[in-house]
Amino acid sequence: IITGAKKLNIPVELIDFKDREELMKLSPTPYGIFSVIYKGQLLTFHRL
């Protein structure tokens, strides 16, 4: 994600979940260990 974003000059923000509560509050999918969001839309929750 970071490599692709750099090629388009798009900055990336990383949020590492510290605990279950944070994951439950922020994750947009039930697959809470990886999500990529851009402009309010889910880009992916899979490796691309």
ModelCIF file with pLDDT and N, C-alpha, C, O atoms, coordinates in Angstrom:
data_MODEL
#
_entry.id   MODEL 
#
_entity.id                         1 
_entity.type                       polymer 
_entity.pdbx_number_of_molecules   1 
#
_entity_poly.entity_id                      1 
_entity_poly.type                           'polypeptide(L)' 
_entity_poly.nstd_linkage                   no 
_entity_poly.nstd_monomer                   no 
_entity_poly.pdbx_seq_one_letter_code       IITGAKKLNIPVELIDFKDREELMKLSPTPYGIFSVIYKGQLLTFHRL 
_entity_poly.pdbx_seq_one_letter_code_can   IITGAKKLNIPVELIDFKDREELMKLSPTPYGIFSVIYKGQLLTFHRL 
_entity_poly.pdbx_strand_id                 A 
#
loop_
_entity_poly_seq.entity_id 
_entity_poly_seq.num 
_entity_poly_seq.mon_id 
_entity_poly_seq.hetero 
1 1  ILE n 
1 2  ILE n 
1 3  THR n 
1 4  GLY n 
1 5  ALA n 
1 6  LYS n 
1 7  LYS n 
1 8  LEU n 
1 9  ASN n 
1 10 ILE n 
1 11 PRO n 
1 12 VAL n 
1 13 GLU n 
1 14 LEU n 
1 15 ILE n 
1 16 ASP n 
1 17 PHE n 
1 18 LYS n 
1 19 ASP n 
1 20 ARG n 
1 21 GLU n 
1 22 GLU n 
1 23 LEU n 
1 24 MET n 
1 25 LYS n 
1 26 LEU n 
1 27 SER n 
1 28 PRO n 
1 29 THR n 
1 30 PRO n 
1 31 TYR n 
1 32 GLY n 
1 33 ILE n 
1 34 PHE n 
1 35 SER n 
1 36 VAL n 
1 37 ILE n 
1 38 TYR n 
1 39 LYS n 
1 40 GLY n 
1 41 GLN n 
1 42 LEU n 
1 43 LEU n 
1 44 THR n 
1 45 PHE n 
1 46 HIS n 
1 47 ARG n 
1 48 LEU n 
#
_struct_asym.id          A 
_struct_asym.entity_id   1 
#
loop_
_ma_qa_metric.id 
_ma_qa_metric.mode 
_ma_qa_metric.name 
_ma_qa_metric.software_group_id 
_ma_qa_metric.type 
1 global pLDDT . pLDDT 
2 local  pLDDT . pLDDT 
#
_ma_qa_metric_global.metric_id      1 
_ma_qa_metric_global.metric_value   95.29 
_ma_qa_metric_global.model_id       1 
_ma_qa_metric_global.ordinal_id     1 
#
loop_
_ma_qa_metric_local.label_asym_id 
_ma_qa_metric_local.label_comp_id 
_ma_qa_metric_local.label_seq_id 
_ma_qa_metric_local.metric_id 
_ma_qa_metric_local.metric_value 
_ma_qa_metric_local.model_id 
_ma_qa_metric_local.ordinal_id 
A ILE 1  2 98.00 1 1  
A ILE 2  2 98.00 1 2  
A THR 3  2 98.00 1 3  
A GLY 4  2 98.00 1 4  
A ALA 5  2 98.00 1 5  
A LYS 6  2 98.00 1 6  
A LYS 7  2 97.00 1 7  
A LEU 8  2 97.00 1 8  
A ASN 9  2 97.00 1 9  
A ILE 10 2 97.00 1 10 
A PRO 11 2 98.00 1 11 
A VAL 12 2 98.00 1 12 
A GLU 13 2 98.00 1 13 
A LEU 14 2 97.00 1 14 
A ILE 15 2 97.00 1 15 
A ASP 16 2 97.00 1 16 
A PHE 17 2 95.00 1 17 
A LYS 18 2 94.00 1 18 
A ASP 19 2 93.00 1 19 
A ARG 20 2 89.00 1 20 
A GLU 21 2 92.00 1 21 
A GLU 22 2 93.00 1 22 
A LEU 23 2 91.00 1 23 
A MET 24 2 89.00 1 24 
A LYS 25 2 92.00 1 25 
A LEU 26 2 94.00 1 26 
A SER 27 2 94.00 1 27 
A PRO 28 2 94.00 1 28 
A THR 29 2 94.00 1 29 
A PRO 30 2 93.00 1 30 
A TYR 31 2 91.00 1 31 
A GLY 32 2 89.00 1 32 
A ILE 33 2 93.00 1 33 
A PHE 34 2 97.00 1 34 
A SER 35 2 97.00 1 35 
A VAL 36 2 98.00 1 36 
A ILE 37 2 97.00 1 37 
A TYR 38 2 97.00 1 38 
A LYS 39 2 95.00 1 39 
A GLY 40 2 95.00 1 40 
A GLN 41 2 95.00 1 41 
A LEU 42 2 96.00 1 42 
A LEU 43 2 96.00 1 43 
A THR 44 2 96.00 1 44 
A PHE 45 2 96.00 1 45 
A HIS 46 2 95.00 1 46 
A ARG 47 2 96.00 1 47 
A LEU 48 2 97.00 1 48 
#
loop_
_atom_site.group_PDB 
_atom_site.id 
_atom_site.type_symbol 
_atom_site.label_atom_id 
_atom_site.label_alt_id 
_atom_site.label_comp_id 
_atom_site.label_asym_id 
_atom_site.label_entity_id 
_atom_site.label_seq_id 
_atom_site.pdbx_PDB_ins_code 
_atom_site.Cartn_x 
_atom_site.Cartn_y 
_atom_site.Cartn_z 
_atom_site.occupancy 
_atom_site.B_iso_or_equiv 
_atom_site.pdbx_formal_charge 
_atom_site.auth_seq_id 
_atom_site.auth_comp_id 
_atom_site.auth_asym_id 
_atom_site.auth_atom_id 
_atom_site.pdbx_PDB_model_num 
ATOM 1   N N  . ILE A 1 1  ? 0.847   -1.199 0.000  1.00 98.00 ? 1  ILE A N  1 
ATOM 2   C CA . ILE A 1 1  ? 0.000   0.000  0.000  1.00 98.00 ? 1  ILE A CA 1 
ATOM 3   C C  . ILE A 1 1  ? 0.879   1.245  0.000  1.00 98.00 ? 1  ILE A C  1 
ATOM 4   O O  . ILE A 1 1  ? 0.645   2.171  -0.776 1.00 98.00 ? 1  ILE A O  1 
ATOM 5   N N  . ILE A 1 2  ? 1.877   1.271  0.855  1.00 98.00 ? 2  ILE A N  1 
ATOM 6   C CA . ILE A 1 2  ? 2.760   2.431  0.959  1.00 98.00 ? 2  ILE A CA 1 
ATOM 7   C C  . ILE A 1 2  ? 3.513   2.661  -0.351 1.00 98.00 ? 2  ILE A C  1 
ATOM 8   O O  . ILE A 1 2  ? 3.628   3.799  -0.804 1.00 98.00 ? 2  ILE A O  1 
ATOM 9   N N  . THR A 1 3  ? 4.021   1.597  -0.959 1.00 98.00 ? 3  THR A N  1 
ATOM 10  C CA . THR A 1 3  ? 4.756   1.723  -2.219 1.00 98.00 ? 3  THR A CA 1 
ATOM 11  C C  . THR A 1 3  ? 3.853   2.274  -3.324 1.00 98.00 ? 3  THR A C  1 
ATOM 12  O O  . THR A 1 3  ? 4.253   3.177  -4.059 1.00 98.00 ? 3  THR A O  1 
ATOM 13  N N  . GLY A 1 4  ? 2.647   1.736  -3.443 1.00 98.00 ? 4  GLY A N  1 
ATOM 14  C CA . GLY A 1 4  ? 1.709   2.227  -4.452 1.00 98.00 ? 4  GLY A CA 1 
ATOM 15  C C  . GLY A 1 4  ? 1.317   3.671  -4.217 1.00 98.00 ? 4  GLY A C  1 
ATOM 16  O O  . GLY A 1 4  ? 1.238   4.460  -5.159 1.00 98.00 ? 4  GLY A O  1 
ATOM 17  N N  . ALA A 1 5  ? 1.075   4.017  -2.974 1.00 98.00 ? 5  ALA A N  1 
ATOM 18  C CA . ALA A 1 5  ? 0.685   5.389  -2.633 1.00 98.00 ? 5  ALA A CA 1 
ATOM 19  C C  . ALA A 1 5  ? 1.815   6.375  -2.931 1.00 98.00 ? 5  ALA A C  1 
ATOM 20  O O  . ALA A 1 5  ? 1.563   7.482  -3.407 1.00 98.00 ? 5  ALA A O  1 
ATOM 21  N N  . LYS A 1 6  ? 3.054   5.977  -2.654 1.00 98.00 ? 6  LYS A N  1 
ATOM 22  C CA . LYS A 1 6  ? 4.201   6.852  -2.928 1.00 98.00 ? 6  LYS A CA 1 
ATOM 23  C C  . LYS A 1 6  ? 4.306   7.161  -4.418 1.00 98.00 ? 6  LYS A C  1 
ATOM 24  O O  . LYS A 1 6  ? 4.635   8.284  -4.801 1.00 98.00 ? 6  LYS A O  1 
ATOM 25  N N  . LYS A 1 7  ? 4.029   6.173  -5.249 1.00 97.00 ? 7  LYS A N  1 
ATOM 26  C CA . LYS A 1 7  ? 4.106   6.382  -6.704 1.00 97.00 ? 7  LYS A CA 1 
ATOM 27  C C  . LYS A 1 7  ? 3.069   7.396  -7.178 1.00 97.00 ? 7  LYS A C  1 
ATOM 28  O O  . LYS A 1 7  ? 3.236   8.014  -8.230 1.00 97.00 ? 7  LYS A O  1 
ATOM 29  N N  . LEU A 1 8  ? 1.994   7.567  -6.400 1.00 97.00 ? 8  LEU A N  1 
ATOM 30  C CA . LEU A 1 8  ? 0.951   8.535  -6.737 1.00 97.00 ? 8  LEU A CA 1 
ATOM 31  C C  . LEU A 1 8  ? 1.021   9.782  -5.857 1.00 97.00 ? 8  LEU A C  1 
ATOM 32  O O  . LEU A 1 8  ? 0.132   10.632 -5.903 1.00 97.00 ? 8  LEU A O  1 
ATOM 33  N N  . ASN A 1 9  ? 2.082   9.885  -5.054 1.00 97.00 ? 9  ASN A N  1 
ATOM 34  C CA . ASN A 1 9  ? 2.273   11.017 -4.133 1.00 97.00 ? 9  ASN A CA 1 
ATOM 35  C C  . ASN A 1 9  ? 1.099   11.187 -3.169 1.00 97.00 ? 9  ASN A C  1 
ATOM 36  O O  . ASN A 1 9  ? 0.653   12.305 -2.910 1.00 97.00 ? 9  ASN A O  1 
ATOM 37  N N  . ILE A 1 10 ? 0.610   10.080 -2.649 1.00 97.00 ? 10 ILE A N  1 
ATOM 38  C CA . ILE A 1 10 ? -0.479  10.099 -1.671 1.00 97.00 ? 10 ILE A CA 1 
ATOM 39  C C  . ILE A 1 10 ? 0.106   9.724  -0.312 1.00 97.00 ? 10 ILE A C  1 
ATOM 40  O O  . ILE A 1 10 ? 0.663   8.636  -0.169 1.00 97.00 ? 10 ILE A O  1 
ATOM 41  N N  . PRO A 1 11 ? -0.007  10.591 0.679  1.00 98.00 ? 11 PRO A N  1 
ATOM 42  C CA . PRO A 1 11 ? 0.508   10.255 2.011  1.00 98.00 ? 11 PRO A CA 1 
ATOM 43  C C  . PRO A 1 11 ? -0.331  9.161  2.669  1.00 98.00 ? 11 PRO A C  1 
ATOM 44  O O  . PRO A 1 11 ? -1.530  9.039  2.421  1.00 98.00 ? 11 PRO A O  1 
ATOM 45  N N  . VAL A 1 12 ? 0.324   8.378  3.506  1.00 98.00 ? 12 VAL A N  1 
ATOM 46  C CA . VAL A 1 12 ? -0.322  7.248  4.175  1.00 98.00 ? 12 VAL A CA 1 
ATOM 47  C C  . VAL A 1 12 ? -0.281  7.451  5.680  1.00 98.00 ? 12 VAL A C  1 
ATOM 48  O O  . VAL A 1 12 ? 0.751   7.814  6.244  1.00 98.00 ? 12 VAL A O  1 
ATOM 49  N N  . GLU A 1 13 ? -1.403  7.216  6.313  1.00 98.00 ? 13 GLU A N  1 
ATOM 50  C CA . GLU A 1 13 ? -1.486  7.245  7.777  1.00 98.00 ? 13 GLU A CA 1 
ATOM 51  C C  . GLU A 1 13 ? -1.623  5.809  8.265  1.00 98.00 ? 13 GLU A C  1 
ATOM 52  O O  . GLU A 1 13 ? -2.434  5.045  7.743  1.00 98.00 ? 13 GLU A O  1 
ATOM 53  N N  . LEU A 1 14 ? -0.829  5.444  9.265  1.00 97.00 ? 14 LEU A N  1 
ATOM 54  C CA . LEU A 1 14 ? -0.883  4.100  9.846  1.00 97.00 ? 14 LEU A CA 1 
ATOM 55  C C  . LEU A 1 14 ? -1.497  4.154  11.235 1.00 97.00 ? 14 LEU A C  1 
ATOM 56  O O  . LEU A 1 14 ? -1.133  4.995  12.057 1.00 97.00 ? 14 LEU A O  1 
ATOM 57  N N  . ILE A 1 15 ? -2.426  3.252  11.484 1.00 97.00 ? 15 ILE A N  1 
ATOM 58  C CA . ILE A 1 15 ? -2.977  3.117  12.827 1.00 97.00 ? 15 ILE A CA 1 
ATOM 59  C C  . ILE A 1 15 ? -2.793  1.662  13.238 1.00 97.00 ? 15 ILE A C  1 
ATOM 60  O O  . ILE A 1 15 ? -3.414  0.763  12.672 1.00 97.00 ? 15 ILE A O  1 
ATOM 61  N N  . ASP A 1 16 ? -1.936  1.444  14.225 1.00 97.00 ? 16 ASP A N  1 
ATOM 62  C CA . ASP A 1 16 ? -1.719  0.111  14.778 1.00 97.00 ? 16 ASP A CA 1 
ATOM 63  C C  . ASP A 1 16 ? -2.627  -0.051 15.988 1.00 97.00 ? 16 ASP A C  1 
ATOM 64  O O  . ASP A 1 16 ? -2.513  0.691  16.964 1.00 97.00 ? 16 ASP A O  1 
ATOM 65  N N  . PHE A 1 17 ? -3.511  -1.008 15.920 1.00 95.00 ? 17 PHE A N  1 
ATOM 66  C CA . PHE A 1 17 ? -4.422  -1.236 17.034 1.00 95.00 ? 17 PHE A CA 1 
ATOM 67  C C  . PHE A 1 17 ? -3.637  -1.640 18.269 1.00 95.00 ? 17 PHE A C  1 
ATOM 68  O O  . PHE A 1 17 ? -2.798  -2.540 18.230 1.00 95.00 ? 17 PHE A O  1 
ATOM 69  N N  . LYS A 1 18 ? -3.928  -0.954 19.368 1.00 94.00 ? 18 LYS A N  1 
ATOM 70  C CA . LYS A 1 18 ? -3.244  -1.231 20.630 1.00 94.00 ? 18 LYS A CA 1 
ATOM 71  C C  . LYS A 1 18 ? -3.965  -2.294 21.447 1.00 94.00 ? 18 LYS A C  1 
ATOM 72  O O  . LYS A 1 18 ? -3.350  -3.015 22.233 1.00 94.00 ? 18 LYS A O  1 
ATOM 73  N N  . ASP A 1 19 ? -5.271  -2.382 21.252 1.00 93.00 ? 19 ASP A N  1 
ATOM 74  C CA . ASP A 1 19 ? -6.047  -3.333 22.038 1.00 93.00 ? 19 ASP A CA 1 
ATOM 75  C C  . ASP A 1 19 ? -7.362  -3.658 21.329 1.00 93.00 ? 19 ASP A C  1 
ATOM 76  O O  . ASP A 1 19 ? -7.691  -3.070 20.299 1.00 93.00 ? 19 ASP A O  1 
ATOM 77  N N  . ARG A 1 20 ? -8.092  -4.587 21.892 1.00 89.00 ? 20 ARG A N  1 
ATOM 78  C CA . ARG A 1 20 ? -9.357  -5.035 21.324 1.00 89.00 ? 20 ARG A CA 1 
ATOM 79  C C  . ARG A 1 20 ? -10.373 -3.896 21.227 1.00 89.00 ? 20 ARG A C  1 
ATOM 80  O O  . ARG A 1 20 ? -11.100 -3.793 20.239 1.00 89.00 ? 20 ARG A O  1 
ATOM 81  N N  . GLU A 1 21 ? -10.422 -3.053 22.239 1.00 92.00 ? 21 GLU A N  1 
ATOM 82  C CA . GLU A 1 21 ? -11.395 -1.958 22.266 1.00 92.00 ? 21 GLU A CA 1 
ATOM 83  C C  . GLU A 1 21 ? -11.195 -1.012 21.084 1.00 92.00 ? 21 GLU A C  1 
ATOM 84  O O  . GLU A 1 21 ? -12.163 -0.575 20.460 1.00 92.00 ? 21 GLU A O  1 
ATOM 85  N N  . GLU A 1 22 ? -9.939  -0.700 20.782 1.00 93.00 ? 22 GLU A N  1 
ATOM 86  C CA . GLU A 1 22 ? -9.657  0.185  19.654 1.00 93.00 ? 22 GLU A CA 1 
ATOM 87  C C  . GLU A 1 22 ? -10.058 -0.479 18.337 1.00 93.00 ? 22 GLU A C  1 
ATOM 88  O O  . GLU A 1 22 ? -10.646 0.164  17.467 1.00 93.00 ? 22 GLU A O  1 
ATOM 89  N N  . LEU A 1 23 ? -9.742  -1.744 18.196 1.00 91.00 ? 23 LEU A N  1 
ATOM 90  C CA . LEU A 1 23 ? -10.132 -2.476 16.991 1.00 91.00 ? 23 LEU A CA 1 
ATOM 91  C C  . LEU A 1 23 ? -11.646 -2.490 16.836 1.00 91.00 ? 23 LEU A C  1 
ATOM 92  O O  . LEU A 1 23 ? -12.164 -2.242 15.747 1.00 91.00 ? 23 LEU A O  1 
ATOM 93  N N  . MET A 1 24 ? -12.352 -2.777 17.915 1.00 89.00 ? 24 MET A N  1 
ATOM 94  C CA . MET A 1 24 ? -13.815 -2.855 17.863 1.00 89.00 ? 24 MET A CA 1 
ATOM 95  C C  . MET A 1 24 ? -14.445 -1.498 17.561 1.00 89.00 ? 24 MET A C  1 
ATOM 96  O O  . MET A 1 24 ? -15.547 -1.433 17.015 1.00 89.00 ? 24 MET A O  1 
ATOM 97  N N  . LYS A 1 25 ? -13.769 -0.442 17.904 1.00 92.00 ? 25 LYS A N  1 
ATOM 98  C CA . LYS A 1 25 ? -14.289 0.905  17.676 1.00 92.00 ? 25 LYS A CA 1 
ATOM 99  C C  . LYS A 1 25 ? -14.037 1.391  16.248 1.00 92.00 ? 25 LYS A C  1 
ATOM 100 O O  . LYS A 1 25 ? -14.864 2.115  15.693 1.00 92.00 ? 25 LYS A O  1 
ATOM 101 N N  . LEU A 1 26 ? -12.904 1.004  15.642 1.00 94.00 ? 26 LEU A N  1 
ATOM 102 C CA . LEU A 1 26 ? -12.490 1.578  14.370 1.00 94.00 ? 26 LEU A CA 1 
ATOM 103 C C  . LEU A 1 26 ? -12.627 0.675  13.144 1.00 94.00 ? 26 LEU A C  1 
ATOM 104 O O  . LEU A 1 26 ? -12.874 1.171  12.045 1.00 94.00 ? 26 LEU A O  1 
ATOM 105 N N  . SER A 1 27 ? -12.474 -0.623 13.308 1.00 94.00 ? 27 SER A N  1 
ATOM 106 C CA . SER A 1 27 ? -12.422 -1.507 12.140 1.00 94.00 ? 27 SER A CA 1 
ATOM 107 C C  . SER A 1 27 ? -13.726 -1.478 11.342 1.00 94.00 ? 27 SER A C  1 
ATOM 108 O O  . SER A 1 27 ? -14.801 -1.682 11.905 1.00 94.00 ? 27 SER A O  1 
ATOM 109 N N  . PRO A 1 28 ? -13.633 -1.224 10.024 1.00 94.00 ? 28 PRO A N  1 
ATOM 110 C CA . PRO A 1 28 ? -14.845 -1.162 9.205  1.00 94.00 ? 28 PRO A CA 1 
ATOM 111 C C  . PRO A 1 28 ? -15.354 -2.521 8.730  1.00 94.00 ? 28 PRO A C  1 
ATOM 112 O O  . PRO A 1 28 ? -16.428 -2.608 8.134  1.00 94.00 ? 28 PRO A O  1 
ATOM 113 N N  . THR A 1 29 ? -14.588 -3.580 8.990  1.00 94.00 ? 29 THR A N  1 
ATOM 114 C CA . THR A 1 29 ? -15.030 -4.924 8.606  1.00 94.00 ? 29 THR A CA 1 
ATOM 115 C C  . THR A 1 29 ? -14.838 -5.876 9.784  1.00 94.00 ? 29 THR A C  1 
ATOM 116 O O  . THR A 1 29 ? -14.080 -5.576 10.706 1.00 94.00 ? 29 THR A O  1 
ATOM 117 N N  . PRO A 1 30 ? -15.511 -7.002 9.759  1.00 93.00 ? 30 PRO A N  1 
ATOM 118 C CA . PRO A 1 30 ? -15.279 -8.006 10.799 1.00 93.00 ? 30 PRO A CA 1 
ATOM 119 C C  . PRO A 1 30 ? -13.859 -8.569 10.781 1.00 93.00 ? 30 PRO A C  1 
ATOM 120 O O  . PRO A 1 30 ? -13.386 -9.093 11.790 1.00 93.00 ? 30 PRO A O  1 
ATOM 121 N N  . TYR A 1 31 ? -13.176 -8.463 9.635  1.00 91.00 ? 31 TYR A N  1 
ATOM 122 C CA . TYR A 1 31 ? -11.776 -8.886 9.544  1.00 91.00 ? 31 TYR A CA 1 
ATOM 123 C C  . TYR A 1 31 ? -10.930 -7.730 10.058 1.00 91.00 ? 31 TYR A C  1 
ATOM 124 O O  . TYR A 1 31 ? -10.423 -6.931 9.271  1.00 91.00 ? 31 TYR A O  1 
ATOM 125 N N  . GLY A 1 32 ? -10.780 -7.642 11.341 1.00 89.00 ? 32 GLY A N  1 
ATOM 126 C CA . GLY A 1 32 ? -10.229 -6.456 11.973 1.00 89.00 ? 32 GLY A CA 1 
ATOM 127 C C  . GLY A 1 32 ? -8.733  -6.291 11.937 1.00 89.00 ? 32 GLY A C  1 
ATOM 128 O O  . GLY A 1 32 ? -8.226  -5.290 12.443 1.00 89.00 ? 32 GLY A O  1 
ATOM 129 N N  . ILE A 1 33 ? -7.995  -7.227 11.360 1.00 93.00 ? 33 ILE A N  1 
ATOM 130 C CA . ILE A 1 33 ? -6.545  -7.081 11.463 1.00 93.00 ? 33 ILE A CA 1 
ATOM 131 C C  . ILE A 1 33 ? -5.921  -6.275 10.331 1.00 93.00 ? 33 ILE A C  1 
ATOM 132 O O  . ILE A 1 33 ? -4.743  -5.929 10.415 1.00 93.00 ? 33 ILE A O  1 
ATOM 133 N N  . PHE A 1 34 ? -6.674  -5.963 9.268  1.00 97.00 ? 34 PHE A N  1 
ATOM 134 C CA . PHE A 1 34 ? -6.115  -5.175 8.175  1.00 97.00 ? 34 PHE A CA 1 
ATOM 135 C C  . PHE A 1 34 ? -7.242  -4.558 7.359  1.00 97.00 ? 34 PHE A C  1 
ATOM 136 O O  . PHE A 1 34 ? -8.091  -5.262 6.811  1.00 97.00 ? 34 PHE A O  1 
ATOM 137 N N  . SER A 1 35 ? -7.234  -3.241 7.290  1.00 97.00 ? 35 SER A N  1 
ATOM 138 C CA . SER A 1 35 ? -8.190  -2.518 6.450  1.00 97.00 ? 35 SER A CA 1 
ATOM 139 C C  . SER A 1 35 ? -7.491  -1.287 5.898  1.00 97.00 ? 35 SER A C  1 
ATOM 140 O O  . SER A 1 35 ? -6.686  -0.656 6.583  1.00 97.00 ? 35 SER A O  1 
ATOM 141 N N  . VAL A 1 36 ? -7.806  -0.953 4.656  1.00 98.00 ? 36 VAL A N  1 
ATOM 142 C CA . VAL A 1 36 ? -7.266  0.246  4.038  1.00 98.00 ? 36 VAL A CA 1 
ATOM 143 C C  . VAL A 1 36 ? -8.444  1.091  3.575  1.00 98.00 ? 36 VAL A C  1 
ATOM 144 O O  . VAL A 1 36 ? -9.307  0.625  2.831  1.00 98.00 ? 36 VAL A O  1 
ATOM 145 N N  . ILE A 1 37 ? -8.466  2.340  4.029  1.00 97.00 ? 37 ILE A N  1 
ATOM 146 C CA . ILE A 1 37 ? -9.583  3.239  3.741  1.00 97.00 ? 37 ILE A CA 1 
ATOM 147 C C  . ILE A 1 37 ? -9.027  4.481  3.033  1.00 97.00 ? 37 ILE A C  1 
ATOM 148 O O  . ILE A 1 37 ? -7.966  4.994  3.389  1.00 97.00 ? 37 ILE A O  1 
ATOM 149 N N  . TYR A 1 38 ? -9.760  4.945  2.035  1.00 97.00 ? 38 TYR A N  1 
ATOM 150 C CA . TYR A 1 38 ? -9.366  6.156  1.319  1.00 97.00 ? 38 TYR A CA 1 
ATOM 151 C C  . TYR A 1 38 ? -10.617 6.931  0.947  1.00 97.00 ? 38 TYR A C  1 
ATOM 152 O O  . TYR A 1 38 ? -11.536 6.399  0.324  1.00 97.00 ? 38 TYR A O  1 
ATOM 153 N N  . LYS A 1 39 ? -10.637 8.191  1.336  1.00 95.00 ? 39 LYS A N  1 
ATOM 154 C CA . LYS A 1 39 ? -11.768 9.079  1.062  1.00 95.00 ? 39 LYS A CA 1 
ATOM 155 C C  . LYS A 1 39 ? -13.091 8.478  1.531  1.00 95.00 ? 39 LYS A C  1 
ATOM 156 O O  . LYS A 1 39 ? -14.102 8.543  0.832  1.00 95.00 ? 39 LYS A O  1 
ATOM 157 N N  . GLY A 1 40 ? -13.065 7.893  2.725  1.00 95.00 ? 40 GLY A N  1 
ATOM 158 C CA . GLY A 1 40 ? -14.278 7.354  3.320  1.00 95.00 ? 40 GLY A CA 1 
ATOM 159 C C  . GLY A 1 40 ? -14.780 6.066  2.691  1.00 95.00 ? 40 GLY A C  1 
ATOM 160 O O  . GLY A 1 40 ? -15.912 5.654  2.942  1.00 95.00 ? 40 GLY A O  1 
ATOM 161 N N  . GLN A 1 41 ? -13.948 5.424  1.873  1.00 95.00 ? 41 GLN A N  1 
ATOM 162 C CA . GLN A 1 41 ? -14.340 4.175  1.233  1.00 95.00 ? 41 GLN A CA 1 
ATOM 163 C C  . GLN A 1 41 ? -13.322 3.090  1.536  1.00 95.00 ? 41 GLN A C  1 
ATOM 164 O O  . GLN A 1 41 ? -12.124 3.356  1.626  1.00 95.00 ? 41 GLN A O  1 
ATOM 165 N N  . LEU A 1 42 ? -13.805 1.873  1.693  1.00 96.00 ? 42 LEU A N  1 
ATOM 166 C CA . LEU A 1 42 ? -12.911 0.750  1.938  1.00 96.00 ? 42 LEU A CA 1 
ATOM 167 C C  . LEU A 1 42 ? -12.178 0.417  0.648  1.00 96.00 ? 42 LEU A C  1 
ATOM 168 O O  . LEU A 1 42 ? -12.797 0.069  -0.357 1.00 96.00 ? 42 LEU A O  1 
ATOM 169 N N  . LEU A 1 43 ? -10.859 0.527  0.683  1.00 96.00 ? 43 LEU A N  1 
ATOM 170 C CA . LEU A 1 43 ? -10.045 0.181  -0.477 1.00 96.00 ? 43 LEU A CA 1 
ATOM 171 C C  . LEU A 1 43 ? -9.837  -1.330 -0.522 1.00 96.00 ? 43 LEU A C  1 
ATOM 172 O O  . LEU A 1 43 ? -9.978  -1.952 -1.576 1.00 96.00 ? 43 LEU A O  1 
ATOM 173 N N  . THR A 1 44 ? -9.501  -1.915 0.622  1.00 96.00 ? 44 THR A N  1 
ATOM 174 C CA . THR A 1 44 ? -9.307  -3.363 0.700  1.00 96.00 ? 44 THR A CA 1 
ATOM 175 C C  . THR A 1 44 ? -9.187  -3.817 2.148  1.00 96.00 ? 44 THR A C  1 
ATOM 176 O O  . THR A 1 44 ? -8.913  -3.021 3.046  1.00 96.00 ? 44 THR A O  1 
ATOM 177 N N  . PHE A 1 45 ? -9.396  -5.091 2.350  1.00 96.00 ? 45 PHE A N  1 
ATOM 178 C CA . PHE A 1 45 ? -9.035  -5.729 3.614  1.00 96.00 ? 45 PHE A CA 1 
ATOM 179 C C  . PHE A 1 45 ? -8.202  -6.973 3.325  1.00 96.00 ? 45 PHE A C  1 
ATOM 180 O O  . PHE A 1 45 ? -7.990  -7.816 4.196  1.00 96.00 ? 45 PHE A O  1 
ATOM 181 N N  . HIS A 1 46 ? -7.734  -7.068 2.074  1.00 95.00 ? 46 HIS A N  1 
ATOM 182 C CA . HIS A 1 46 ? -6.850  -8.146 1.619  1.00 95.00 ? 46 HIS A CA 1 
ATOM 183 C C  . HIS A 1 46 ? -5.513  -7.557 1.190  1.00 95.00 ? 46 HIS A C  1 
ATOM 184 O O  . HIS A 1 46 ? -5.399  -6.357 0.936  1.00 95.00 ? 46 HIS A O  1 
ATOM 185 N N  . ARG A 1 47 ? -4.527  -8.399 1.114  1.00 96.00 ? 47 ARG A N  1 
ATOM 186 C CA . ARG A 1 47 ? -3.239  -7.985 0.582  1.00 96.00 ? 47 ARG A CA 1 
ATOM 187 C C  . ARG A 1 47 ? -3.384  -7.769 -0.919 1.00 96.00 ? 47 ARG A C  1 
ATOM 188 O O  . ARG A 1 47 ? -3.938  -8.613 -1.623 1.00 96.00 ? 47 ARG A O  1 
ATOM 189 N N  . LEU A 1 48 ? -2.883  -6.635 -1.406 1.00 97.00 ? 48 LEU A N  1 
ATOM 190 C CA . LEU A 1 48 ? -2.910  -6.313 -2.830 1.00 97.00 ? 48 LEU A CA 1 
ATOM 191 C C  . LEU A 1 48 ? -1.489  -6.199 -3.360 1.00 97.00 ? 48 LEU A C  1 
ATOM 192 O O  . LEU A 1 48 ? -1.291  -5.931 -4.545 1.00 97.00 ? 48 LEU A O  1 
#
